[in-house]
N, C-alpha and C. Protein backbone atom coordinates (compact mmCIF):
# COMPACT_ATOMS: atom_id res chain seq x y z
N MET A 1 0.80 -1.09 0.13
CA MET A 1 -0.20 0.07 -0.19
C MET A 1 1.05 1.31 0.21
N LYS A 2 0.25 2.41 -0.69
CA LYS A 2 1.20 3.72 -0.60
C LYS A 2 0.47 4.85 -0.20
N MET A 3 0.87 5.66 0.41
CA MET A 3 0.30 6.96 0.66
C MET A 3 1.10 8.09 -0.56
N ILE A 4 -0.02 8.58 -1.12
CA ILE A 4 0.34 9.62 -2.20
C ILE A 4 0.09 10.87 -1.74
N ILE A 5 0.63 12.02 -1.24
CA ILE A 5 0.81 13.06 -1.01
C ILE A 5 1.03 14.20 -1.99
N SER A 6 -0.01 14.66 -2.54
CA SER A 6 -0.12 15.68 -3.57
C SER A 6 -0.48 17.36 -3.31
N ILE A 7 0.41 18.15 -3.29
CA ILE A 7 0.01 19.35 -3.08
C ILE A 7 -0.23 20.11 -4.13
N ILE A 8 -1.32 20.78 -4.37
CA ILE A 8 -1.67 21.50 -5.77
C ILE A 8 -2.28 22.75 -5.36
N ASN A 9 -2.65 23.51 -6.32
CA ASN A 9 -3.17 24.66 -6.53
C ASN A 9 -4.61 24.70 -6.29
N ARG A 10 -5.08 25.44 -5.29
CA ARG A 10 -6.54 25.40 -4.90
C ARG A 10 -7.41 25.66 -6.05
N ASP A 11 -7.27 26.04 -7.17
CA ASP A 11 -8.10 26.21 -8.22
C ASP A 11 -8.20 25.01 -9.22
N ASP A 12 -7.31 23.83 -8.70
CA ASP A 12 -7.51 22.71 -9.18
C ASP A 12 -8.19 21.70 -8.37
N ARG A 13 -8.53 21.87 -7.13
CA ARG A 13 -8.89 21.06 -5.84
C ARG A 13 -10.19 20.17 -6.58
N ASN A 14 -10.94 21.07 -6.94
CA ASN A 14 -12.38 20.68 -7.29
C ASN A 14 -12.24 19.62 -8.13
N ALA A 15 -12.00 19.78 -9.46
CA ALA A 15 -11.53 19.10 -10.61
C ALA A 15 -10.67 17.42 -10.25
N LEU A 16 -9.72 17.96 -9.38
CA LEU A 16 -9.04 16.67 -8.98
C LEU A 16 -9.85 15.60 -8.15
N THR A 17 -10.50 16.18 -7.21
CA THR A 17 -10.91 15.54 -6.22
C THR A 17 -12.45 14.68 -6.90
N SER A 18 -12.97 15.52 -7.65
CA SER A 18 -14.08 14.67 -8.46
C SER A 18 -13.69 13.55 -9.31
N ALA A 19 -12.74 13.74 -10.50
CA ALA A 19 -11.77 12.82 -10.74
C ALA A 19 -11.41 11.98 -9.97
N LEU A 20 -11.03 12.15 -9.01
CA LEU A 20 -10.46 10.62 -8.10
C LEU A 20 -11.66 10.14 -7.89
N MET A 21 -12.51 10.68 -6.98
CA MET A 21 -14.14 9.82 -6.48
C MET A 21 -14.40 9.20 -7.53
N ASP A 22 -14.72 9.75 -9.06
CA ASP A 22 -15.47 8.83 -10.13
C ASP A 22 -14.64 7.81 -10.24
N ALA A 23 -13.24 7.56 -10.42
CA ALA A 23 -12.58 6.63 -10.50
C ALA A 23 -12.30 5.76 -9.31
N GLY A 24 -12.95 6.11 -8.34
CA GLY A 24 -13.05 5.00 -6.99
C GLY A 24 -11.86 5.19 -6.14
N TYR A 25 -11.27 6.27 -5.93
CA TYR A 25 -10.17 6.85 -5.01
C TYR A 25 -10.86 7.53 -4.04
N GLN A 26 -10.20 7.55 -2.81
CA GLN A 26 -10.35 8.27 -1.72
C GLN A 26 -9.65 9.21 -1.58
N ALA A 27 -9.69 10.40 -1.11
CA ALA A 27 -8.85 11.45 -0.68
C ALA A 27 -9.37 12.21 0.42
N THR A 28 -8.37 12.66 1.25
CA THR A 28 -8.64 13.73 2.33
C THR A 28 -7.97 14.93 2.03
N VAL A 29 -8.57 16.03 1.78
CA VAL A 29 -8.01 17.28 1.48
C VAL A 29 -7.63 18.43 2.75
N VAL A 30 -6.59 18.78 2.50
CA VAL A 30 -6.44 19.63 3.75
C VAL A 30 -5.79 21.02 3.08
N GLY A 31 -6.55 22.16 3.68
CA GLY A 31 -6.16 23.22 2.97
C GLY A 31 -4.75 23.67 3.55
N THR A 32 -3.88 24.00 2.66
CA THR A 32 -2.34 24.60 3.25
C THR A 32 -2.30 25.93 2.64
N THR A 33 -1.30 26.60 2.71
CA THR A 33 -0.50 27.53 2.29
C THR A 33 0.83 27.56 1.77
N GLY A 34 1.15 27.89 0.78
CA GLY A 34 2.73 28.08 0.07
C GLY A 34 3.46 28.70 0.87
N GLY A 35 4.84 28.48 1.02
CA GLY A 35 5.68 29.38 1.80
C GLY A 35 6.14 30.30 0.95
N PHE A 36 6.34 30.23 -0.42
CA PHE A 36 6.93 31.34 -1.07
C PHE A 36 6.22 32.39 -1.58
N LEU A 37 4.71 31.94 -2.29
CA LEU A 37 3.84 32.82 -2.74
C LEU A 37 2.89 33.27 -1.85
N ARG A 38 2.83 32.32 -0.64
CA ARG A 38 2.01 32.71 0.65
C ARG A 38 0.56 32.55 -0.09
N GLN A 39 0.45 31.77 -0.99
CA GLN A 39 -0.92 31.55 -1.57
C GLN A 39 -1.83 30.21 -1.35
N GLY A 40 -2.90 30.03 -1.46
CA GLY A 40 -3.61 28.95 -0.82
C GLY A 40 -3.40 27.58 -2.04
N ASN A 41 -3.21 26.39 -1.31
CA ASN A 41 -3.08 25.11 -1.75
C ASN A 41 -4.06 24.29 -1.11
N ALA A 42 -3.87 23.35 -1.83
CA ALA A 42 -4.69 22.20 -1.13
C ALA A 42 -3.87 20.74 -1.10
N THR A 43 -3.84 20.15 -0.17
CA THR A 43 -2.92 19.08 -0.12
C THR A 43 -3.78 17.64 0.17
N LEU A 44 -3.43 16.65 -0.65
CA LEU A 44 -4.62 15.52 -0.79
C LEU A 44 -3.48 14.23 -0.28
N LEU A 45 -4.17 13.58 0.39
CA LEU A 45 -3.87 12.52 0.94
C LEU A 45 -4.57 11.31 0.30
N ILE A 46 -4.09 10.41 -0.46
CA ILE A 46 -4.54 9.61 -0.98
C ILE A 46 -4.05 8.42 -0.67
N GLY A 47 -4.58 7.26 0.03
CA GLY A 47 -4.25 5.88 0.12
C GLY A 47 -4.60 4.97 -0.85
N VAL A 48 -3.58 4.20 -1.51
CA VAL A 48 -3.83 3.22 -2.61
C VAL A 48 -3.05 2.06 -2.50
N GLU A 49 -3.86 1.14 -3.11
CA GLU A 49 -2.94 0.05 -3.38
C GLU A 49 -1.92 0.30 -4.41
N ASP A 50 -0.86 -0.69 -4.32
CA ASP A 50 0.36 -0.61 -5.18
C ASP A 50 0.00 -0.55 -6.64
N GLU A 51 -0.96 -1.36 -7.07
CA GLU A 51 -1.21 -1.53 -8.35
C GLU A 51 -2.18 -0.18 -9.01
N LYS A 52 -2.62 0.76 -8.13
CA LYS A 52 -3.45 1.80 -8.50
C LYS A 52 -2.62 3.09 -8.37
N VAL A 53 -1.35 3.12 -7.86
CA VAL A 53 -0.71 4.37 -7.89
C VAL A 53 -0.63 4.98 -9.18
N GLN A 54 -0.40 4.34 -10.59
CA GLN A 54 -0.25 5.24 -11.52
C GLN A 54 -1.41 5.85 -11.92
N GLY A 55 -2.69 5.05 -11.81
CA GLY A 55 -3.72 5.60 -12.20
C GLY A 55 -3.91 6.92 -11.50
N ALA A 56 -3.54 6.90 -10.25
CA ALA A 56 -3.87 8.40 -9.34
C ALA A 56 -2.97 9.40 -10.05
N LEU A 57 -1.80 8.65 -10.34
CA LEU A 57 -0.75 9.82 -10.90
C LEU A 57 -1.49 10.63 -12.10
N ASP A 58 -1.76 9.60 -12.88
CA ASP A 58 -2.35 10.11 -14.17
C ASP A 58 -3.53 11.27 -13.93
N LEU A 59 -4.51 11.13 -12.89
CA LEU A 59 -5.58 11.67 -12.81
C LEU A 59 -5.09 13.27 -12.26
N ILE A 60 -4.10 12.84 -11.30
CA ILE A 60 -3.43 14.45 -10.90
C ILE A 60 -2.74 15.13 -11.89
N GLU A 61 -1.91 14.24 -12.87
CA GLU A 61 -1.40 15.34 -14.09
C GLU A 61 -2.46 15.81 -14.95
N LYS A 62 -3.23 15.14 -15.06
CA LYS A 62 -4.37 15.68 -16.00
C LYS A 62 -5.35 16.46 -15.42
N ASN A 63 -5.32 16.70 -14.38
CA ASN A 63 -6.25 17.58 -13.60
C ASN A 63 -5.54 18.69 -12.92
N CYS A 64 -4.23 18.85 -13.03
CA CYS A 64 -3.62 20.05 -12.05
C CYS A 64 -2.76 20.60 -13.27
N HIS A 65 -2.75 22.15 -13.67
CA HIS A 65 -2.43 22.88 -14.61
C HIS A 65 -1.41 23.66 -14.05
N THR A 66 -0.25 24.09 -14.70
CA THR A 66 0.45 25.03 -14.63
C THR A 66 -0.36 26.38 -15.02
N ARG A 67 -0.01 27.63 -14.37
CA ARG A 67 -0.37 28.87 -15.02
C ARG A 67 0.45 29.84 -14.47
N THR A 68 0.49 30.94 -15.47
CA THR A 68 1.36 32.09 -15.57
C THR A 68 0.45 33.16 -14.68
N VAL A 69 1.07 33.82 -13.89
CA VAL A 69 0.45 34.79 -13.15
C VAL A 69 1.79 36.03 -12.77
N PHE A 70 1.20 37.05 -12.55
CA PHE A 70 2.09 38.16 -12.10
C PHE A 70 1.81 38.56 -10.54
N MET A 71 3.15 38.56 -9.98
CA MET A 71 3.02 38.58 -8.36
C MET A 71 3.75 39.71 -8.11
N THR A 72 3.39 40.61 -6.97
CA THR A 72 4.08 41.77 -6.44
C THR A 72 5.06 41.33 -5.41
N PRO A 73 6.31 40.89 -5.39
CA PRO A 73 6.98 40.77 -4.35
C PRO A 73 7.24 41.66 -3.17
N PHE A 74 7.30 41.54 -2.29
CA PHE A 74 7.42 42.42 -1.33
C PHE A 74 9.19 42.23 -0.65
N THR A 75 9.93 43.14 -0.31
CA THR A 75 11.02 43.01 0.28
C THR A 75 10.85 43.82 1.63
N GLY A 76 11.86 43.49 2.50
CA GLY A 76 12.13 43.74 3.63
C GLY A 76 11.68 42.63 5.05
N MET A 77 12.13 43.25 6.02
CA MET A 77 11.56 42.26 7.11
C MET A 77 10.60 42.65 8.25
N GLY A 78 10.32 43.81 8.00
CA GLY A 78 9.39 44.14 9.14
C GLY A 78 8.16 44.97 8.23
N THR A 79 7.06 44.88 8.85
CA THR A 79 5.93 45.99 8.06
C THR A 79 6.35 47.43 7.88
N GLU A 80 6.95 47.76 8.51
CA GLU A 80 7.30 49.15 8.26
C GLU A 80 8.55 49.23 7.42
N GLU A 81 9.64 48.15 6.73
CA GLU A 81 10.62 48.37 6.15
C GLU A 81 9.87 47.73 4.71
N MET A 82 8.70 47.15 4.75
CA MET A 82 8.29 46.46 3.34
C MET A 82 8.14 47.62 2.24
N ILE A 83 9.01 47.14 1.01
CA ILE A 83 9.07 48.02 -0.10
C ILE A 83 8.31 46.87 -1.22
N MET A 84 7.31 47.58 -2.23
CA MET A 84 6.80 46.80 -3.12
C MET A 84 7.67 46.92 -4.12
N VAL A 85 7.94 45.81 -5.12
CA VAL A 85 8.79 46.19 -6.21
C VAL A 85 8.10 45.51 -7.50
N GLU A 86 8.61 46.13 -8.90
CA GLU A 86 8.09 45.40 -10.24
C GLU A 86 7.10 43.92 -10.07
N PRO A 87 6.03 43.88 -10.67
CA PRO A 87 5.42 42.53 -10.25
C PRO A 87 6.35 41.69 -11.20
N VAL A 88 6.53 40.44 -10.90
CA VAL A 88 7.47 39.70 -11.83
C VAL A 88 6.23 38.41 -12.22
N GLU A 89 6.67 37.73 -13.40
CA GLU A 89 5.74 36.59 -13.71
C GLU A 89 6.40 35.53 -13.33
N VAL A 90 5.19 34.66 -12.68
CA VAL A 90 5.74 33.21 -11.64
C VAL A 90 4.76 32.41 -12.55
N GLN A 91 5.10 30.74 -12.22
CA GLN A 91 4.45 29.57 -12.73
C GLN A 91 3.81 29.42 -11.47
N VAL A 92 2.50 29.14 -11.18
CA VAL A 92 1.76 28.68 -10.33
C VAL A 92 0.93 27.13 -10.87
N GLY A 93 0.51 26.55 -9.99
CA GLY A 93 0.11 25.50 -10.22
C GLY A 93 0.72 24.29 -10.29
N GLY A 94 0.12 23.14 -11.00
CA GLY A 94 0.92 21.79 -11.39
C GLY A 94 0.35 21.21 -9.94
N ALA A 95 1.69 20.27 -9.69
CA ALA A 95 1.23 19.37 -8.30
C ALA A 95 2.88 19.16 -8.14
N VAL A 96 2.99 18.92 -6.68
CA VAL A 96 4.14 18.39 -6.30
C VAL A 96 3.75 17.24 -5.50
N THR A 97 4.38 16.02 -5.74
CA THR A 97 3.69 14.65 -5.19
C THR A 97 4.69 14.11 -4.86
N PHE A 98 4.21 13.31 -3.65
CA PHE A 98 5.28 12.38 -2.72
C PHE A 98 4.57 11.01 -2.62
N ILE A 99 5.25 9.88 -2.77
CA ILE A 99 4.84 8.53 -2.84
C ILE A 99 5.59 7.55 -1.74
N MET A 100 5.13 7.57 -0.72
CA MET A 100 5.71 6.66 0.32
C MET A 100 5.00 5.35 0.70
N ASN A 101 5.73 4.33 0.92
CA ASN A 101 5.02 3.06 1.67
C ASN A 101 4.41 2.94 2.94
N VAL A 102 3.23 2.59 3.21
CA VAL A 102 2.62 2.46 4.50
C VAL A 102 2.81 1.08 4.99
N GLU A 103 3.35 1.26 5.91
CA GLU A 103 4.01 0.16 6.82
C GLU A 103 2.47 -0.72 7.26
N GLN A 104 1.60 -0.03 7.72
CA GLN A 104 0.38 -0.37 8.35
C GLN A 104 -0.72 0.46 8.24
N PHE A 105 -1.83 0.02 8.21
CA PHE A 105 -3.22 0.65 7.88
C PHE A 105 -4.29 0.43 8.71
N THR A 106 -4.87 1.27 9.80
CA THR A 106 -5.84 0.43 10.46
C THR A 106 -7.03 1.62 10.37
N THR A 107 -8.10 1.09 10.91
CA THR A 107 -9.41 2.09 10.89
C THR A 107 -10.04 1.85 12.35
N CYS A 108 -10.58 3.06 12.86
CA CYS A 108 -11.12 2.67 14.22
C CYS A 108 -12.63 3.17 14.03
């Protein structure tokens, strides 16, 4: 058994969770915030049998898309020192996915 942990853009959450459920996967969704851009993400915890891992990965790839956005970064340490600089173009979205072996699984 494997645990898939996938961090995705919040805009892709509904499409991915629907696709996973339609295909018979179960997932727990946790709202998270990215450290660099400080934007909302969704982290999905998906427990799957070994032979179903690739199917879940295919659904993640199909439903999580990168986007180009313009962000205005801030510089400085404290709020009094913050200086806005020119907007920069950054890629957001897609998925960062980890696959781990599950040693034991129980339900209570």
